[in-house]
Amino acid sequence: MNAIAAEWIKLRTLRSTWWALGAGVVVSLTLTVFGAATVISRWDPGRTPDQAAMGIVVAVYVGVILAQLPSGCWAR
């Protein structure tokens, strides 16, 4: 419980925590959009609707995986 209280105090008092969190969200969203756009740009328009839906899922998945990389590097 003491560790949770200490982390809460740190979260409330350090401005850099909020800046880092905001930057992480922006970078994550940007990389998700770019990752999805890359997959969609290589899209084959002749696909069936099921294949198209799977392509969208893969596009977002690639973007989310790419978005986690900077967050992991910052966490060190």
PDB file of N, CA and C in Angstrom:
ATOM      1  N   MET A   1       0.821  -1.186   0.000  1.00  0.00           N
ATOM      2  CA  MET A   1       0.000   0.000   0.000  1.00  0.00           C
ATOM      3  C   MET A   1       0.871   1.259   0.000  1.00  0.00           C
ATOM      4  N   ASN A   2       2.021   1.179   0.691  1.00  0.00           N
ATOM      5  CA  ASN A   2       2.927   2.323   0.719  1.00  0.00           C
ATOM      6  C   ASN A   2       3.480   2.634  -0.666  1.00  0.00           C
ATOM      7  N   ALA A   3       3.756   1.581  -1.442  1.00  0.00           N
ATOM      8  CA  ALA A   3       4.283   1.784  -2.789  1.00  0.00           C
ATOM      9  C   ALA A   3       3.242   2.472  -3.679  1.00  0.00           C
ATOM     10  N   ILE A   4       1.996   2.096  -3.524  1.00  0.00           N
ATOM     11  CA  ILE A   4       0.931   2.724  -4.312  1.00  0.00           C
ATOM     12  C   ILE A   4       0.791   4.194  -3.929  1.00  0.00           C
ATOM     13  N   ALA A   5       0.851   4.478  -2.635  1.00  0.00           N
ATOM     14  CA  ALA A   5       0.760   5.869  -2.174  1.00  0.00           C
ATOM     15  C   ALA A   5       1.934   6.693  -2.699  1.00  0.00           C
ATOM     16  N   ALA A   6       3.128   6.119  -2.688  1.00  0.00           N
ATOM     17  CA  ALA A   6       4.310   6.832  -3.180  1.00  0.00           C
ATOM     18  C   ALA A   6       4.198   7.103  -4.679  1.00  0.00           C
ATOM     19  N   GLU A   7       3.722   6.132  -5.424  1.00  0.00           N
ATOM     20  CA  GLU A   7       3.564   6.330  -6.866  1.00  0.00           C
ATOM     21  C   GLU A   7       2.492   7.381  -7.157  1.00  0.00           C
ATOM     22  N   TRP A   8       1.442   7.391  -6.383  1.00  0.00           N
ATOM     23  CA  TRP A   8       0.387   8.383  -6.574  1.00  0.00           C
ATOM     24  C   TRP A   8       0.913   9.789  -6.308  1.00  0.00           C
ATOM     25  N   ILE A   9       1.720   9.949  -5.259  1.00  0.00           N
ATOM     26  CA  ILE A   9       2.331  11.254  -4.972  1.00  0.00           C
ATOM     27  C   ILE A   9       3.246  11.675  -6.111  1.00  0.00           C
ATOM     28  N   LYS A  10       4.043  10.742  -6.607  1.00  0.00           N
ATOM     29  CA  LYS A  10       4.946  11.047  -7.716  1.00  0.00           C
ATOM     30  C   LYS A  10       4.153  11.448  -8.958  1.00  0.00           C
ATOM     31  N   LEU A  11       3.079  10.745  -9.228  1.00  0.00           N
ATOM     32  CA  LEU A  11       2.258  11.041 -10.401  1.00  0.00           C
ATOM     33  C   LEU A  11       1.638  12.431 -10.305  1.00  0.00           C
ATOM     34  N   ARG A  12       1.216  12.817  -9.114  1.00  0.00           N
ATOM     35  CA  ARG A  12       0.582  14.126  -8.940  1.00  0.00           C
ATOM     36  C   ARG A  12       1.570  15.274  -8.929  1.00  0.00           C
ATOM     37  N   THR A  13       2.790  15.049  -8.475  1.00  0.00           N
ATOM     38  CA  THR A  13       3.703  16.167  -8.249  1.00  0.00           C
ATOM     39  C   THR A  13       4.702  16.405  -9.373  1.00  0.00           C
ATOM     40  N   LEU A  14       5.032  15.404 -10.153  1.00  0.00           N
ATOM     41  CA  LEU A  14       6.021  15.589 -11.213  1.00  0.00           C
ATOM     42  C   LEU A  14       5.341  15.957 -12.531  1.00  0.00           C
ATOM     43  N   ARG A  15       5.700  17.111 -13.068  1.00  0.00           N
ATOM     44  CA  ARG A  15       5.121  17.521 -14.352  1.00  0.00           C
ATOM     45  C   ARG A  15       5.630  16.650 -15.489  1.00  0.00           C
ATOM     46  N   SER A  16       6.861  16.173 -15.357  1.00  0.00           N
ATOM     47  CA  SER A  16       7.445  15.377 -16.441  1.00  0.00           C
ATOM     48  C   SER A  16       6.676  14.080 -16.667  1.00  0.00           C
ATOM     49  N   THR A  17       6.038  13.555 -15.636  1.00  0.00           N
ATOM     50  CA  THR A  17       5.251  12.336 -15.796  1.00  0.00           C
ATOM     51  C   THR A  17       4.106  12.569 -16.773  1.00  0.00           C
ATOM     52  N   TRP A  18       3.432  13.701 -16.629  1.00  0.00           N
ATOM     53  CA  TRP A  18       2.310  14.006 -17.512  1.00  0.00           C
ATOM     54  C   TRP A  18       2.786  14.301 -18.922  1.00  0.00           C
ATOM     55  N   TRP A  19       3.937  14.995 -19.041  1.00  0.00           N
ATOM     56  CA  TRP A  19       4.478  15.259 -20.379  1.00  0.00           C
ATOM     57  C   TRP A  19       4.872  13.953 -21.065  1.00  0.00           C
ATOM     58  N   ALA A  20       5.511  13.065 -20.336  1.00  0.00           N
ATOM     59  CA  ALA A  20       5.922  11.780 -20.906  1.00  0.00           C
ATOM     60  C   ALA A  20       4.708  10.940 -21.288  1.00  0.00           C
ATOM     61  N   LEU A  21       3.691  10.955 -20.455  1.00  0.00           N
ATOM     62  CA  LEU A  21       2.469  10.211 -20.757  1.00  0.00           C
ATOM     63  C   LEU A  21       1.793  10.772 -22.006  1.00  0.00           C
ATOM     64  N   GLY A  22       1.696  12.097 -22.072  1.00  0.00           N
ATOM     65  CA  GLY A  22       1.096  12.730 -23.254  1.00  0.00           C
ATOM     66  C   GLY A  22       1.893  12.451 -24.518  1.00  0.00           C
ATOM     67  N   ALA A  23       3.209  12.544 -24.421  1.00  0.00           N
ATOM     68  CA  ALA A  23       4.058  12.263 -25.586  1.00  0.00           C
ATOM     69  C   ALA A  23       3.917  10.801 -26.006  1.00  0.00           C
ATOM     70  N   GLY A  24       3.818   9.911 -25.035  1.00  0.00           N
ATOM     71  CA  GLY A  24       3.640   8.496 -25.349  1.00  0.00           C
ATOM     72  C   GLY A  24       2.340   8.220 -26.072  1.00  0.00           C
ATOM     73  N   VAL A  25       1.282   8.877 -25.651  1.00  0.00           N
ATOM     74  CA  VAL A  25      -0.020   8.704 -26.312  1.00  0.00           C
ATOM     75  C   VAL A  25       0.035   9.234 -27.746  1.00  0.00           C
ATOM     76  N   VAL A  26       0.645  10.406 -27.930  1.00  0.00           N
ATOM     77  CA  VAL A  26       0.740  10.989 -29.271  1.00  0.00           C
ATOM     78  C   VAL A  26       1.580  10.102 -30.189  1.00  0.00           C
ATOM     79  N   VAL A  27       2.723   9.637 -29.696  1.00  0.00           N
ATOM     80  CA  VAL A  27       3.586   8.774 -30.505  1.00  0.00           C
ATOM     81  C   VAL A  27       2.875   7.462 -30.824  1.00  0.00           C
ATOM     82  N   SER A  28       2.188   6.902 -29.844  1.00  0.00           N
ATOM     83  CA  SER A  28       1.472   5.647 -30.072  1.00  0.00           C
ATOM     84  C   SER A  28       0.386   5.794 -31.132  1.00  0.00           C
ATOM     85  N   LEU A  29      -0.397   6.857 -31.032  1.00  0.00           N
ATOM     86  CA  LEU A  29      -1.451   7.067 -32.026  1.00  0.00           C
ATOM     87  C   LEU A  29      -0.871   7.319 -33.409  1.00  0.00           C
ATOM     88  N   THR A  30       0.214   8.100 -33.464  1.00  0.00           N
ATOM     89  CA  THR A  30       0.846   8.384 -34.750  1.00  0.00           C
ATOM     90  C   THR A  30       1.380   7.113 -35.393  1.00  0.00           C
ATOM     91  N   LEU A  31       2.070   6.282 -34.618  1.00  0.00           N
ATOM     92  CA  LEU A  31       2.606   5.042 -35.172  1.00  0.00           C
ATOM     93  C   LEU A  31       1.502   4.066 -35.555  1.00  0.00           C
ATOM     94  N   THR A  32       0.405   4.066 -34.803  1.00  0.00           N
ATOM     95  CA  THR A  32      -0.723   3.211 -35.169  1.00  0.00           C
ATOM     96  C   THR A  32      -1.299   3.632 -36.511  1.00  0.00           C
ATOM     97  N   VAL A  33      -1.453   4.942 -36.708  1.00  0.00           N
ATOM     98  CA  VAL A  33      -1.988   5.438 -37.979  1.00  0.00           C
ATOM     99  C   VAL A  33      -1.039   5.114 -39.131  1.00  0.00           C
ATOM    100  N   PHE A  34       0.259   5.346 -38.925  1.00  0.00           N
ATOM    101  CA  PHE A  34       1.223   5.062 -39.999  1.00  0.00           C
ATOM    102  C   PHE A  34       1.323   3.569 -40.291  1.00  0.00           C
ATOM    103  N   GLY A  35       1.297   2.744 -39.258  1.00  0.00           N
ATOM    104  CA  GLY A  35       1.339   1.294 -39.467  1.00  0.00           C
ATOM    105  C   GLY A  35       0.112   0.802 -40.211  1.00  0.00           C
ATOM    106  N   ALA A  36      -1.056   1.297 -39.813  1.00  0.00           N
ATOM    107  CA  ALA A  36      -2.287   0.896 -40.498  1.00  0.00           C
ATOM    108  C   ALA A  36      -2.304   1.416 -41.929  1.00  0.00           C
ATOM    109  N   ALA A  37      -1.825   2.641 -42.127  1.00  0.00           N
ATOM    110  CA  ALA A  37      -1.808   3.206 -43.483  1.00  0.00           C
ATOM    111  C   ALA A  37      -0.868   2.421 -44.398  1.00  0.00           C
ATOM    112  N   THR A  38       0.239   1.943 -43.856  1.00  0.00           N
ATOM    113  CA  THR A  38       1.173   1.158 -44.658  1.00  0.00           C
ATOM    114  C   THR A  38       0.543  -0.149 -45.101  1.00  0.00           C
ATOM    115  N   VAL A  39      -0.124  -0.833 -44.185  1.00  0.00           N
ATOM    116  CA  VAL A  39      -0.771  -2.097 -44.544  1.00  0.00           C
ATOM    117  C   VAL A  39      -1.899  -1.854 -45.535  1.00  0.00           C
ATOM    118  N   ILE A  40      -2.694  -0.813 -45.311  1.00  0.00           N
ATOM    119  CA  ILE A  40      -3.832  -0.534 -46.190  1.00  0.00           C
ATOM    120  C   ILE A  40      -3.357  -0.089 -47.573  1.00  0.00           C
ATOM    121  N   SER A  41      -2.195   0.581 -47.646  1.00  0.00           N
ATOM    122  CA  SER A  41      -1.699   1.025 -48.952  1.00  0.00           C
ATOM    123  C   SER A  41      -1.312  -0.153 -49.848  1.00  0.00           C
ATOM    124  N   ARG A  42      -1.027  -1.292 -49.244  1.00  0.00           N
ATOM    125  CA  ARG A  42      -0.678  -2.488 -50.021  1.00  0.00           C
ATOM    126  C   ARG A  42      -1.869  -3.423 -50.192  1.00  0.00           C
ATOM    127  N   TRP A  43      -3.029  -2.892 -49.992  1.00  0.00           N
ATOM    128  CA  TRP A  43      -4.282  -3.614 -50.013  1.00  0.00           C
ATOM    129  C   TRP A  43      -4.631  -4.055 -51.430  1.00  0.00           C
ATOM    130  N   ASP A  44      -5.143  -5.242 -51.568  1.00  0.00           N
ATOM    131  CA  ASP A  44      -5.631  -5.745 -52.853  1.00  0.00           C
ATOM    132  C   ASP A  44      -7.141  -5.513 -52.903  1.00  0.00           C
ATOM    133  N   PRO A  45      -7.610  -4.615 -53.796  1.00  0.00           N
ATOM    134  CA  PRO A  45      -9.051  -4.309 -53.811  1.00  0.00           C
ATOM    135  C   PRO A  45      -9.929  -5.478 -54.245  1.00  0.00           C
ATOM    136  N   GLY A  46      -9.352  -6.530 -54.796  1.00  0.00           N
ATOM    137  CA  GLY A  46     -10.138  -7.676 -55.240  1.00  0.00           C
ATOM    138  C   GLY A  46     -10.453  -8.671 -54.138  1.00  0.00           C
ATOM    139  N   ARG A  47     -10.166  -8.347 -52.917  1.00  0.00           N
ATOM    140  CA  ARG A  47     -10.406  -9.269 -51.804  1.00  0.00           C
ATOM    141  C   ARG A  47     -11.892  -9.389 -51.488  1.00  0.00           C
ATOM    142  N   THR A  48     -12.229 -10.504 -50.876  1.00  0.00           N
ATOM    143  CA  THR A  48     -13.608 -10.692 -50.408  1.00  0.00           C
ATOM    144  C   THR A  48     -13.814  -9.853 -49.146  1.00  0.00           C
ATOM    145  N   PRO A  49     -15.053  -9.606 -48.748  1.00  0.00           N
ATOM    146  CA  PRO A  49     -15.295  -8.808 -47.531  1.00  0.00           C
ATOM    147  C   PRO A  49     -14.622  -9.382 -46.282  1.00  0.00           C
ATOM    148  N   ASP A  50     -14.588 -10.717 -46.167  1.00  0.00           N
ATOM    149  CA  ASP A  50     -13.933 -11.322 -44.999  1.00  0.00           C
ATOM    150  C   ASP A  50     -12.432 -11.032 -45.002  1.00  0.00           C
ATOM    151  N   GLN A  51     -11.813 -11.120 -46.179  1.00  0.00           N
ATOM    152  CA  GLN A  51     -10.386 -10.824 -46.273  1.00  0.00           C
ATOM    153  C   GLN A  51     -10.126  -9.342 -46.012  1.00  0.00           C
ATOM    154  N   ALA A  52     -11.033  -8.482 -46.452  1.00  0.00           N
ATOM    155  CA  ALA A  52     -10.874  -7.053 -46.211  1.00  0.00           C
ATOM    156  C   ALA A  52     -10.958  -6.750 -44.718  1.00  0.00           C
ATOM    157  N   ALA A  53     -11.898  -7.377 -44.020  1.00  0.00           N
ATOM    158  CA  ALA A  53     -12.022  -7.169 -42.575  1.00  0.00           C
ATOM    159  C   ALA A  53     -10.767  -7.644 -41.859  1.00  0.00           C
ATOM    160  N   MET A  54     -10.227  -8.777 -42.287  1.00  0.00           N
ATOM    161  CA  MET A  54      -9.004  -9.283 -41.675  1.00  0.00           C
ATOM    162  C   MET A  54      -7.840  -8.342 -41.958  1.00  0.00           C
ATOM    163  N   GLY A  55      -7.825  -7.716 -43.123  1.00  0.00           N
ATOM    164  CA  GLY A  55      -6.781  -6.748 -43.451  1.00  0.00           C
ATOM    165  C   GLY A  55      -6.810  -5.547 -42.521  1.00  0.00           C
ATOM    166  N   ILE A  56      -7.999  -5.089 -42.176  1.00  0.00           N
ATOM    167  CA  ILE A  56      -8.129  -3.965 -41.247  1.00  0.00           C
ATOM    168  C   ILE A  56      -7.630  -4.370 -39.863  1.00  0.00           C
ATOM    169  N   VAL A  57      -7.984  -5.559 -39.427  1.00  0.00           N
ATOM    170  CA  VAL A  57      -7.522  -6.041 -38.119  1.00  0.00           C
ATOM    171  C   VAL A  57      -5.999  -6.123 -38.096  1.00  0.00           C
ATOM    172  N   VAL A  58      -5.407  -6.654 -39.151  1.00  0.00           N
ATOM    173  CA  VAL A  58      -3.950  -6.758 -39.229  1.00  0.00           C
ATOM    174  C   VAL A  58      -3.324  -5.369 -39.256  1.00  0.00           C
ATOM    175  N   ALA A  59      -3.920  -4.436 -39.973  1.00  0.00           N
ATOM    176  CA  ALA A  59      -3.384  -3.076 -40.059  1.00  0.00           C
ATOM    177  C   ALA A  59      -3.343  -2.419 -38.682  1.00  0.00           C
ATOM    178  N   VAL A  60      -4.412  -2.538 -37.934  1.00  0.00           N
ATOM    179  CA  VAL A  60      -4.446  -1.935 -36.597  1.00  0.00           C
ATOM    180  C   VAL A  60      -3.492  -2.671 -35.667  1.00  0.00           C
ATOM    181  N   TYR A  61      -3.414  -3.982 -35.780  1.00  0.00           N
ATOM    182  CA  TYR A  61      -2.507  -4.767 -34.939  1.00  0.00           C
ATOM    183  C   TYR A  61      -1.057  -4.368 -35.178  1.00  0.00           C
ATOM    184  N   VAL A  62      -0.673  -4.216 -36.445  1.00  0.00           N
ATOM    185  CA  VAL A  62       0.686  -3.783 -36.772  1.00  0.00           C
ATOM    186  C   VAL A  62       0.953  -2.411 -36.170  1.00  0.00           C
ATOM    187  N   GLY A  63       0.002  -1.512 -36.280  1.00  0.00           N
ATOM    188  CA  GLY A  63       0.168  -0.176 -35.717  1.00  0.00           C
ATOM    189  C   GLY A  63       0.323  -0.190 -34.218  1.00  0.00           C
ATOM    190  N   VAL A  64      -0.448  -1.016 -33.530  1.00  0.00           N
ATOM    191  CA  VAL A  64      -0.367  -1.083 -32.067  1.00  0.00           C
ATOM    192  C   VAL A  64       0.969  -1.676 -31.636  1.00  0.00           C
ATOM    193  N   ILE A  65       1.428  -2.706 -32.339  1.00  0.00           N
ATOM    194  CA  ILE A  65       2.729  -3.303 -32.005  1.00  0.00           C
ATOM    195  C   ILE A  65       3.831  -2.269 -32.193  1.00  0.00           C
ATOM    196  N   LEU A  66       3.812  -1.537 -33.296  1.00  0.00           N
ATOM    197  CA  LEU A  66       4.813  -0.501 -33.522  1.00  0.00           C
ATOM    198  C   LEU A  66       4.726   0.600 -32.473  1.00  0.00           C
ATOM    199  N   ALA A  67       3.526   0.910 -32.033  1.00  0.00           N
ATOM    200  CA  ALA A  67       3.337   1.978 -31.052  1.00  0.00           C
ATOM    201  C   ALA A  67       3.897   1.602 -29.683  1.00  0.00           C
ATOM    202  N   GLN A  68       3.993   0.327 -29.385  1.00  0.00           N
ATOM    203  CA  GLN A  68       4.502  -0.090 -28.086  1.00  0.00           C
ATOM    204  C   GLN A  68       6.016   0.010 -27.993  1.00  0.00           C
ATOM    205  N   LEU A  69       6.714   0.051 -29.101  1.00  0.00           N
ATOM    206  CA  LEU A  69       8.172   0.101 -29.074  1.00  0.00           C
ATOM    207  C   LEU A  69       8.727   1.317 -28.343  1.00  0.00           C
ATOM    208  N   PRO A  70       8.292   2.538 -28.664  1.00  0.00           N
ATOM    209  CA  PRO A  70       8.854   3.680 -27.921  1.00  0.00           C
ATOM    210  C   PRO A  70       8.489   3.653 -26.443  1.00  0.00           C
ATOM    211  N   SER A  71       7.314   3.169 -26.113  1.00  0.00           N
ATOM    212  CA  SER A  71       6.914   3.095 -24.709  1.00  0.00           C
ATOM    213  C   SER A  71       7.833   2.161 -23.929  1.00  0.00           C
ATOM    214  N   GLY A  72       8.203   1.063 -24.536  1.00  0.00           N
ATOM    215  CA  GLY A  72       9.127   0.122 -23.887  1.00  0.00           C
ATOM    216  C   GLY A  72      10.511   0.704 -23.725  1.00  0.00           C
ATOM    217  N   CYS A  73      10.942   1.487 -24.700  1.00  0.00           N
ATOM    218  CA  CYS A  73      12.261   2.110 -24.607  1.00  0.00           C
ATOM    219  C   CYS A  73      12.280   3.191 -23.539  1.00  0.00           C
ATOM    220  N   TRP A  74      11.183   3.932 -23.373  1.00  0.00           N
ATOM    221  CA  TRP A  74      11.123   4.978 -22.359  1.00  0.00           C
ATOM    222  C   TRP A  74      11.047   4.409 -20.958  1.00  0.00           C
ATOM    223  N   ALA A  75      10.527   3.193 -20.834  1.00  0.00           N
ATOM    224  CA  ALA A  75      10.292   2.620 -19.511  1.00  0.00           C
ATOM    225  C   ALA A  75      11.580   2.153 -18.831  1.00  0.00           C
ATOM    226  N   ARG A  76      12.683   2.088 -19.564  1.00  0.00           N
ATOM    227  CA  ARG A  76      13.923   1.605 -18.959  1.00  0.00           C
ATOM    228  C   ARG A  76      14.398   2.486 -17.888  1.00  0.00           C
TER     229      ARG A  76
END
